[in-house]
């Protein structure tokens, strides 16, 4: 084998190792974020007796999908360029019960010491023109390899059940349709998004109302127990018990 071929093989093996490391960092980042989210779910279940997270899905972009995006955006085919310009290689979607849960959960994630918020896009307060709603975060977390620390991006999308329902069906309607969509259909889909948003607001209002009722009931029960401890109930009971003796 010629020396040139040996050099080419060596470079190819080195490139393969770097590509493997590159993709592994994103896989480990997904594992790390899923662990953090599961801890929050367990904490809510055990301590607060309430879980705002309905379900969580995660995905890793394929190398083919990454290269297509880089080509489409016109960036260099280098690992540093890919890292900086394709920030959704590792993606997590969290579906919450209510709109307030979305902001509470995003705050909890952002407050963790090893997480840095790189980008924050609120498509709930500012929906996209087609009606799409969701909260998008680009988070940076450290991944510790055997010989280095990799700061890795993870895209987190947080939405309600209604938002997820609309987005999933909208995607299926458009999937692999490369022609211009009729204006009538675009208007109807936006109307459907408006209806989904109205449903979210109504359910949020009902949730707040029932929470206030529960808190009022708890306060009343605590007041009753406090009154009992002061003797309002125990004293007559003890007097009756002593008379029987």
C-alpha atoms as a PDB file:
ATOM      1  CA  UNK A   1       0.000   0.000   0.000  1.00  0.00           C
ATOM      2  CA  UNK A   2       1.337   3.417  -0.947  1.00  0.00           C
ATOM      3  CA  UNK A   3       2.148   6.031   1.688  1.00  0.00           C
ATOM      4  CA  UNK A   4      -0.570   8.324   0.260  1.00  0.00           C
ATOM      5  CA  UNK A   5      -3.186   5.613   0.748  1.00  0.00           C
ATOM      6  CA  UNK A   6      -2.030   5.035   4.331  1.00  0.00           C
ATOM      7  CA  UNK A   7      -2.373   8.742   5.084  1.00  0.00           C
ATOM      8  CA  UNK A   8      -5.855   8.792   3.518  1.00  0.00           C
ATOM      9  CA  UNK A   9      -6.948   5.784   5.606  1.00  0.00           C
ATOM     10  CA  UNK A  10      -5.568   7.377   8.760  1.00  0.00           C
ATOM     11  CA  UNK A  11      -7.422  10.628   8.071  1.00  0.00           C
ATOM     12  CA  UNK A  12     -10.613   8.703   7.286  1.00  0.00           C
ATOM     13  CA  UNK A  13     -10.418   6.803  10.580  1.00  0.00           C
ATOM     14  CA  UNK A  14      -9.779  10.042  12.492  1.00  0.00           C
ATOM     15  CA  UNK A  15     -12.765  11.673  10.772  1.00  0.00           C
ATOM     16  CA  UNK A  16     -14.958   8.687  11.631  1.00  0.00           C
ATOM     17  CA  UNK A  17     -13.937   8.923  15.306  1.00  0.00           C
ATOM     18  CA  UNK A  18     -14.708  12.656  15.389  1.00  0.00           C
ATOM     19  CA  UNK A  19     -18.095  12.151  13.712  1.00  0.00           C
ATOM     20  CA  UNK A  20     -18.934   9.391  16.189  1.00  0.00           C
ATOM     21  CA  UNK A  21     -17.926  11.584  19.128  1.00  0.00           C
ATOM     22  CA  UNK A  22     -19.938  14.476  17.663  1.00  0.00           C
ATOM     23  CA  UNK A  23     -23.161  12.470  17.411  1.00  0.00           C
ATOM     24  CA  UNK A  24     -22.594  10.729  20.755  1.00  0.00           C
ATOM     25  CA  UNK A  25     -22.407  14.102  22.517  1.00  0.00           C
ATOM     26  CA  UNK A  26     -25.933  14.899  21.309  1.00  0.00           C
ATOM     27  CA  UNK A  27     -27.210  11.472  22.342  1.00  0.00           C
ATOM     28  CA  UNK A  28     -25.731  11.939  25.813  1.00  0.00           C
ATOM     29  CA  UNK A  29     -27.248  15.439  25.963  1.00  0.00           C
ATOM     30  CA  UNK A  30     -30.686  13.941  25.271  1.00  0.00           C
ATOM     31  CA  UNK A  31     -30.126  11.347  28.004  1.00  0.00           C
ATOM     32  CA  UNK A  32     -29.072  14.091  30.438  1.00  0.00           C
ATOM     33  CA  UNK A  33     -32.093  16.285  29.676  1.00  0.00           C
ATOM     34  CA  UNK A  34     -34.509  13.346  29.890  1.00  0.00           C
ATOM     35  CA  UNK A  35     -33.077  12.521  33.320  1.00  0.00           C
ATOM     36  CA  UNK A  36     -33.591  16.102  34.491  1.00  0.00           C
ATOM     37  CA  UNK A  37     -37.190  16.121  33.215  1.00  0.00           C
ATOM     38  CA  UNK A  38     -37.937  12.765  34.877  1.00  0.00           C
ATOM     39  CA  UNK A  39     -36.601  14.101  38.192  1.00  0.00           C
ATOM     40  CA  UNK A  40     -38.940  17.096  37.928  1.00  0.00           C
ATOM     41  CA  UNK A  41     -41.869  14.760  37.133  1.00  0.00           C
ATOM     42  CA  UNK A  42     -41.119  12.592  40.172  1.00  0.00           C
ATOM     43  CA  UNK A  43     -40.724  15.633  42.431  1.00  0.00           C
ATOM     44  CA  UNK A  44     -44.115  16.960  41.362  1.00  0.00           C
ATOM     45  CA  UNK A  45     -45.767  13.574  41.838  1.00  0.00           C
ATOM     46  CA  UNK A  46     -44.322  12.854  45.290  1.00  0.00           C
ATOM     47  CA  UNK A  47     -44.213  16.328  46.845  1.00  0.00           C
ATOM     48  CA  UNK A  48     -46.806  18.467  45.090  1.00  0.00           C
ATOM     49  CA  UNK A  49     -49.240  15.655  44.247  1.00  0.00           C
ATOM     50  CA  UNK A  50     -49.557  17.128  40.753  1.00  0.00           C
ATOM     51  CA  UNK A  51     -47.744  16.443  37.500  1.00  0.00           C
ATOM     52  CA  UNK A  52     -47.796  19.203  34.850  1.00  0.00           C
ATOM     53  CA  UNK A  53     -46.032  16.997  32.272  1.00  0.00           C
ATOM     54  CA  UNK A  54     -48.343  14.842  30.171  1.00  0.00           C
ATOM     55  CA  UNK A  55     -45.657  13.185  28.047  1.00  0.00           C
ATOM     56  CA  UNK A  56     -42.138  13.657  26.673  1.00  0.00           C
ATOM     57  CA  UNK A  57     -40.638  12.631  23.334  1.00  0.00           C
ATOM     58  CA  UNK A  58     -37.082  13.040  22.096  1.00  0.00           C
ATOM     59  CA  UNK A  59     -35.292  12.554  18.802  1.00  0.00           C
ATOM     60  CA  UNK A  60     -31.814  12.783  17.291  1.00  0.00           C
ATOM     61  CA  UNK A  61     -31.463  14.124  13.755  1.00  0.00           C
ATOM     62  CA  UNK A  62     -29.874  11.675  11.320  1.00  0.00           C
ATOM     63  CA  UNK A  63     -26.534  12.655   9.673  1.00  0.00           C
ATOM     64  CA  UNK A  64     -28.377  12.794   6.341  1.00  0.00           C
ATOM     65  CA  UNK A  65     -30.925  15.270   7.723  1.00  0.00           C
ATOM     66  CA  UNK A  66     -28.136  17.374   9.252  1.00  0.00           C
ATOM     67  CA  UNK A  67     -26.189  17.571   5.980  1.00  0.00           C
ATOM     68  CA  UNK A  68     -29.340  18.453   4.041  1.00  0.00           C
ATOM     69  CA  UNK A  69     -30.017  21.347   6.431  1.00  0.00           C
ATOM     70  CA  UNK A  70     -26.402  22.578   6.197  1.00  0.00           C
ATOM     71  CA  UNK A  71     -26.564  22.420   2.395  1.00  0.00           C
ATOM     72  CA  UNK A  72     -29.919  24.233   2.335  1.00  0.00           C
ATOM     73  CA  UNK A  73     -28.578  27.020   4.574  1.00  0.00           C
ATOM     74  CA  UNK A  74     -25.334  27.304   2.592  1.00  0.00           C
ATOM     75  CA  UNK A  75     -22.932  26.711   5.500  1.00  0.00           C
ATOM     76  CA  UNK A  76     -19.589  24.887   5.509  1.00  0.00           C
ATOM     77  CA  UNK A  77     -19.548  21.104   5.874  1.00  0.00           C
ATOM     78  CA  UNK A  78     -17.416  21.202   9.023  1.00  0.00           C
ATOM     79  CA  UNK A  79     -18.261  20.041  12.533  1.00  0.00           C
ATOM     80  CA  UNK A  80     -17.874  23.526  14.114  1.00  0.00           C
ATOM     81  CA  UNK A  81     -20.175  25.009  11.420  1.00  0.00           C
ATOM     82  CA  UNK A  82     -22.727  22.246  11.943  1.00  0.00           C
ATOM     83  CA  UNK A  83     -22.669  22.733  15.727  1.00  0.00           C
ATOM     84  CA  UNK A  84     -23.273  26.496  15.511  1.00  0.00           C
ATOM     85  CA  UNK A  85     -25.816  26.490  12.685  1.00  0.00           C
ATOM     86  CA  UNK A  86     -27.865  23.347  13.349  1.00  0.00           C
ATOM     87  CA  UNK A  87     -28.954  23.712  16.953  1.00  0.00           C
ATOM     88  CA  UNK A  88     -31.831  21.226  16.838  1.00  0.00           C
ATOM     89  CA  UNK A  89     -29.770  18.057  16.290  1.00  0.00           C
ATOM     90  CA  UNK A  90     -30.956  16.900  19.718  1.00  0.00           C
ATOM     91  CA  UNK A  91     -34.620  17.703  20.253  1.00  0.00           C
ATOM     92  CA  UNK A  92     -37.092  17.186  23.102  1.00  0.00           C
ATOM     93  CA  UNK A  93     -40.817  17.901  23.021  1.00  0.00           C
ATOM     94  CA  UNK A  94     -42.683  18.247  26.311  1.00  0.00           C
ATOM     95  CA  UNK A  95     -46.471  18.273  26.374  1.00  0.00           C
ATOM     96  CA  UNK A  96     -47.974  20.005  29.415  1.00  0.00           C
ATOM     97  CA  UNK A  97     -51.486  20.169  30.829  1.00  0.00           C
ATOM     98  CA  UNK A  98     -51.924  23.944  30.946  1.00  0.00           C
ATOM     99  CA  UNK A  99     -50.293  27.095  29.553  1.00  0.00           C
ATOM    100  CA  UNK A 100     -49.098  28.164  33.021  1.00  0.00           C
ATOM    101  CA  UNK A 101     -47.316  24.802  33.341  1.00  0.00           C
ATOM    102  CA  UNK A 102     -45.271  25.604  30.215  1.00  0.00           C
ATOM    103  CA  UNK A 103     -43.780  28.757  31.694  1.00  0.00           C
ATOM    104  CA  UNK A 104     -43.265  27.178  35.122  1.00  0.00           C
ATOM    105  CA  UNK A 105     -41.425  24.218  33.634  1.00  0.00           C
ATOM    106  CA  UNK A 106     -39.276  26.384  31.354  1.00  0.00           C
ATOM    107  CA  UNK A 107     -38.309  28.495  34.395  1.00  0.00           C
ATOM    108  CA  UNK A 108     -37.318  25.383  36.351  1.00  0.00           C
ATOM    109  CA  UNK A 109     -35.098  24.146  33.524  1.00  0.00           C
ATOM    110  CA  UNK A 110     -33.482  27.562  33.009  1.00  0.00           C
ATOM    111  CA  UNK A 111     -32.708  27.859  36.745  1.00  0.00           C
ATOM    112  CA  UNK A 112     -30.619  24.673  36.830  1.00  0.00           C
ATOM    113  CA  UNK A 113     -26.932  25.488  37.382  1.00  0.00           C
ATOM    114  CA  UNK A 114     -25.530  23.494  34.474  1.00  0.00           C
ATOM    115  CA  UNK A 115     -28.070  24.726  31.892  1.00  0.00           C
ATOM    116  CA  UNK A 116     -27.654  27.930  29.897  1.00  0.00           C
ATOM    117  CA  UNK A 117     -30.493  29.348  27.790  1.00  0.00           C
ATOM    118  CA  UNK A 118     -29.075  30.284  24.376  1.00  0.00           C
ATOM    119  CA  UNK A 119     -32.320  31.181  22.631  1.00  0.00           C
ATOM    120  CA  UNK A 120     -35.927  31.698  23.743  1.00  0.00           C
ATOM    121  CA  UNK A 121     -38.822  31.955  21.284  1.00  0.00           C
ATOM    122  CA  UNK A 122     -42.342  32.370  22.621  1.00  0.00           C
ATOM    123  CA  UNK A 123     -44.773  31.337  19.885  1.00  0.00           C
ATOM    124  CA  UNK A 124     -47.580  31.261  22.470  1.00  0.00           C
ATOM    125  CA  UNK A 125     -47.666  34.988  23.124  1.00  0.00           C
ATOM    126  CA  UNK A 126     -46.583  35.613  19.518  1.00  0.00           C
ATOM    127  CA  UNK A 127     -47.992  32.774  17.339  1.00  0.00           C
ATOM    128  CA  UNK A 128     -46.581  32.120  13.875  1.00  0.00           C
ATOM    129  CA  UNK A 129     -48.653  33.450  10.920  1.00  0.00           C
ATOM    130  CA  UNK A 130     -50.196  30.001  10.352  1.00  0.00           C
ATOM    131  CA  UNK A 131     -51.408  29.851  13.969  1.00  0.00           C
ATOM    132  CA  UNK A 132     -48.646  27.570  15.344  1.00  0.00           C
ATOM    133  CA  UNK A 133     -48.069  27.914  19.105  1.00  0.00           C
ATOM    134  CA  UNK A 134     -45.281  26.524  21.272  1.00  0.00           C
ATOM    135  CA  UNK A 135     -42.410  27.656  23.494  1.00  0.00           C
ATOM    136  CA  UNK A 136     -38.990  26.955  21.937  1.00  0.00           C
ATOM    137  CA  UNK A 137     -35.780  26.904  23.957  1.00  0.00           C
ATOM    138  CA  UNK A 138     -32.213  26.267  22.823  1.00  0.00           C
ATOM    139  CA  UNK A 139     -30.349  25.033  25.889  1.00  0.00           C
ATOM    140  CA  UNK A 140     -26.621  24.450  26.295  1.00  0.00           C
ATOM    141  CA  UNK A 141     -25.525  21.714  28.685  1.00  0.00           C
ATOM    142  CA  UNK A 142     -22.081  20.252  29.444  1.00  0.00           C
ATOM    143  CA  UNK A 143     -21.361  16.645  28.469  1.00  0.00           C
ATOM    144  CA  UNK A 144     -18.281  15.060  30.037  1.00  0.00           C
ATOM    145  CA  UNK A 145     -16.455  12.687  27.717  1.00  0.00           C
ATOM    146  CA  UNK A 146     -13.390  10.607  28.644  1.00  0.00           C
ATOM    147  CA  UNK A 147     -10.954  13.337  27.618  1.00  0.00           C
ATOM    148  CA  UNK A 148     -13.014  16.513  27.199  1.00  0.00           C
ATOM    149  CA  UNK A 149     -16.051  18.517  28.107  1.00  0.00           C
ATOM    150  CA  UNK A 150     -18.500  19.177  25.272  1.00  0.00           C
ATOM    151  CA  UNK A 151     -20.957  22.076  25.521  1.00  0.00           C
ATOM    152  CA  UNK A 152     -23.908  20.719  23.570  1.00  0.00           C
ATOM    153  CA  UNK A 153     -27.126  22.299  22.322  1.00  0.00           C
ATOM    154  CA  UNK A 154     -30.555  20.775  22.888  1.00  0.00           C
ATOM    155  CA  UNK A 155     -33.756  22.209  21.464  1.00  0.00           C
ATOM    156  CA  UNK A 156     -36.718  21.921  23.846  1.00  0.00           C
ATOM    157  CA  UNK A 157     -40.267  22.551  22.639  1.00  0.00           C
ATOM    158  CA  UNK A 158     -42.930  22.887  25.324  1.00  0.00           C
ATOM    159  CA  UNK A 159     -46.615  23.006  24.410  1.00  0.00           C
ATOM    160  CA  UNK A 160     -50.075  22.059  25.668  1.00  0.00           C
ATOM    161  CA  UNK A 161     -52.086  19.032  24.505  1.00  0.00           C
ATOM    162  CA  UNK A 162     -54.215  21.286  22.276  1.00  0.00           C
ATOM    163  CA  UNK A 163     -51.133  22.928  20.713  1.00  0.00           C
ATOM    164  CA  UNK A 164     -49.540  19.543  20.093  1.00  0.00           C
ATOM    165  CA  UNK A 165     -52.766  18.159  18.611  1.00  0.00           C
ATOM    166  CA  UNK A 166     -53.013  21.049  16.140  1.00  0.00           C
ATOM    167  CA  UNK A 167     -49.303  20.988  15.192  1.00  0.00           C
ATOM    168  CA  UNK A 168     -49.278  17.211  14.643  1.00  0.00           C
ATOM    169  CA  UNK A 169     -52.339  17.241  12.392  1.00  0.00           C
ATOM    170  CA  UNK A 170     -51.160  20.351  10.521  1.00  0.00           C
ATOM    171  CA  UNK A 171     -47.881  18.539   9.796  1.00  0.00           C
ATOM    172  CA  UNK A 172     -49.735  15.451   8.530  1.00  0.00           C
ATOM    173  CA  UNK A 173     -51.944  17.565   6.277  1.00  0.00           C
ATOM    174  CA  UNK A 174     -48.914  19.258   4.678  1.00  0.00           C
ATOM    175  CA  UNK A 175     -46.581  16.229   4.750  1.00  0.00           C
ATOM    176  CA  UNK A 176     -44.895  15.674   1.366  1.00  0.00           C
ATOM    177  CA  UNK A 177     -47.166  18.226  -0.327  1.00  0.00           C
ATOM    178  CA  UNK A 178     -44.798  20.427  -2.319  1.00  0.00           C
ATOM    179  CA  UNK A 179     -47.363  22.528  -4.163  1.00  0.00           C
ATOM    180  CA  UNK A 180     -48.955  25.751  -2.992  1.00  0.00           C
ATOM    181  CA  UNK A 181     -51.673  25.123  -0.412  1.00  0.00           C
ATOM    182  CA  UNK A 182     -55.070  26.701  -1.253  1.00  0.00           C
ATOM    183  CA  UNK A 183     -55.730  29.945   0.639  1.00  0.00           C
ATOM    184  CA  UNK A 184     -59.046  28.537   1.930  1.00  0.00           C
ATOM    185  CA  UNK A 185     -57.224  25.657   3.654  1.00  0.00           C
ATOM    186  CA  UNK A 186     -54.641  27.999   5.185  1.00  0.00           C
ATOM    187  CA  UNK A 187     -57.466  30.135   6.625  1.00  0.00           C
ATOM    188  CA  UNK A 188     -59.284  27.077   8.000  1.00  0.00           C
ATOM    189  CA  UNK A 189     -56.133  25.743   9.655  1.00  0.00           C
ATOM    190  CA  UNK A 190     -55.531  29.127  11.265  1.00  0.00           C
ATOM    191  CA  UNK A 191     -59.146  29.142  12.511  1.00  0.00           C
ATOM    192  CA  UNK A 192     -58.548  25.694  14.000  1.00  0.00           C
ATOM    193  CA  UNK A 193     -55.433  27.033  15.761  1.00  0.00           C
ATOM    194  CA  UNK A 194     -57.504  29.910  17.183  1.00  0.00           C
ATOM    195  CA  UNK A 195     -60.099  27.423  18.464  1.00  0.00           C
ATOM    196  CA  UNK A 196     -57.367  25.306  20.075  1.00  0.00           C
ATOM    197  CA  UNK A 197     -55.957  28.425  21.769  1.00  0.00           C
ATOM    198  CA  UNK A 198     -59.420  29.359  23.041  1.00  0.00           C
ATOM    199  CA  UNK A 199     -59.835  25.849  24.465  1.00  0.00           C
ATOM    200  CA  UNK A 200     -56.486  26.206  26.250  1.00  0.00           C
ATOM    201  CA  UNK A 201     -57.558  29.506  27.798  1.00  0.00           C
ATOM    202  CA  UNK A 202     -60.895  28.049  28.924  1.00  0.00           C
ATOM    203  CA  UNK A 203     -59.271  24.994  30.503  1.00  0.00           C
ATOM    204  CA  UNK A 204     -56.689  27.239  32.177  1.00  0.00           C
ATOM    205  CA  UNK A 205     -59.515  29.330  33.699  1.00  0.00           C
ATOM    206  CA  UNK A 206     -61.347  26.222  34.947  1.00  0.00           C
ATOM    207  CA  UNK A 207     -58.097  24.882  36.384  1.00  0.00           C
ATOM    208  CA  UNK A 208     -57.498  28.115  38.305  1.00  0.00           C
ATOM    209  CA  UNK A 209     -61.068  28.162  39.610  1.00  0.00           C
ATOM    210  CA  UNK A 210     -60.971  24.599  40.924  1.00  0.00           C
ATOM    211  CA  UNK A 211     -57.535  25.245  42.463  1.00  0.00           C
ATOM    212  CA  UNK A 212     -58.947  28.258  44.336  1.00  0.00           C
ATOM    213  CA  UNK A 213     -61.879  26.132  45.568  1.00  0.00           C
ATOM    214  CA  UNK A 214     -59.480  23.427  46.784  1.00  0.00           C
ATOM    215  CA  UNK A 215     -57.321  26.000  48.598  1.00  0.00           C
ATOM    216  CA  UNK A 216     -60.412  27.511  50.246  1.00  0.00           C
ATOM    217  CA  UNK A 217     -61.524  24.034  51.378  1.00  0.00           C
ATOM    218  CA  UNK A 218     -58.050  23.307  52.765  1.00  0.00           C
ATOM    219  CA  UNK A 219     -57.994  26.619  54.633  1.00  0.00           C
ATOM    220  CA  UNK A 220     -61.429  25.854  56.125  1.00  0.00           C
ATOM    221  CA  UNK A 221     -60.301  22.377  57.195  1.00  0.00           C
ATOM    222  CA  UNK A 222     -57.104  23.743  58.758  1.00  0.00           C
ATOM    223  CA  UNK A 223     -59.139  26.355  60.664  1.00  0.00           C
ATOM    224  CA  UNK A 224     -61.477  23.630  61.934  1.00  0.00           C
ATOM    225  CA  UNK A 225     -58.554  21.485  63.108  1.00  0.00           C
ATOM    226  CA  UNK A 226     -56.945  24.490  64.792  1.00  0.00           C
ATOM    227  CA  UNK A 227     -60.216  25.211  66.579  1.00  0.00           C
ATOM    228  CA  UNK A 228     -60.354  21.598  67.780  1.00  0.00           C
ATOM    229  CA  UNK A 229     -56.806  21.834  69.123  1.00  0.00           C
ATOM    230  CA  UNK A 230     -57.799  24.910  71.156  1.00  0.00           C
ATOM    231  CA  UNK A 231     -60.453  22.855  72.937  1.00  0.00           C
ATOM    232  CA  UNK A 232     -63.672  23.896  71.230  1.00  0.00           C
ATOM    233  CA  UNK A 233     -64.427  20.261  70.470  1.00  0.00           C
ATOM    234  CA  UNK A 234     -62.279  18.310  72.931  1.00  0.00           C
ATOM    235  CA  UNK A 235     -63.416  20.020  76.148  1.00  0.00           C
ATOM    236  CA  UNK A 236     -67.112  19.013  76.033  1.00  0.00           C
ATOM    237  CA  UNK A 237     -66.067  15.544  74.952  1.00  0.00           C
ATOM    238  CA  UNK A 238     -63.694  15.191  77.919  1.00  0.00           C
ATOM    239  CA  UNK A 239     -66.329  16.483  80.366  1.00  0.00           C
ATOM    240  CA  UNK A 240     -68.820  13.911  79.117  1.00  0.00           C
ATOM    241  CA  UNK A 241     -66.198  11.189  79.316  1.00  0.00           C
ATOM    242  CA  UNK A 242     -65.279  12.128  82.940  1.00  0.00           C
ATOM    243  CA  UNK A 243     -68.945  12.168  84.030  1.00  0.00           C
ATOM    244  CA  UNK A 244     -69.350   8.618  82.809  1.00  0.00           C
ATOM    245  CA  UNK A 245     -66.351   7.606  84.890  1.00  0.00           C
END
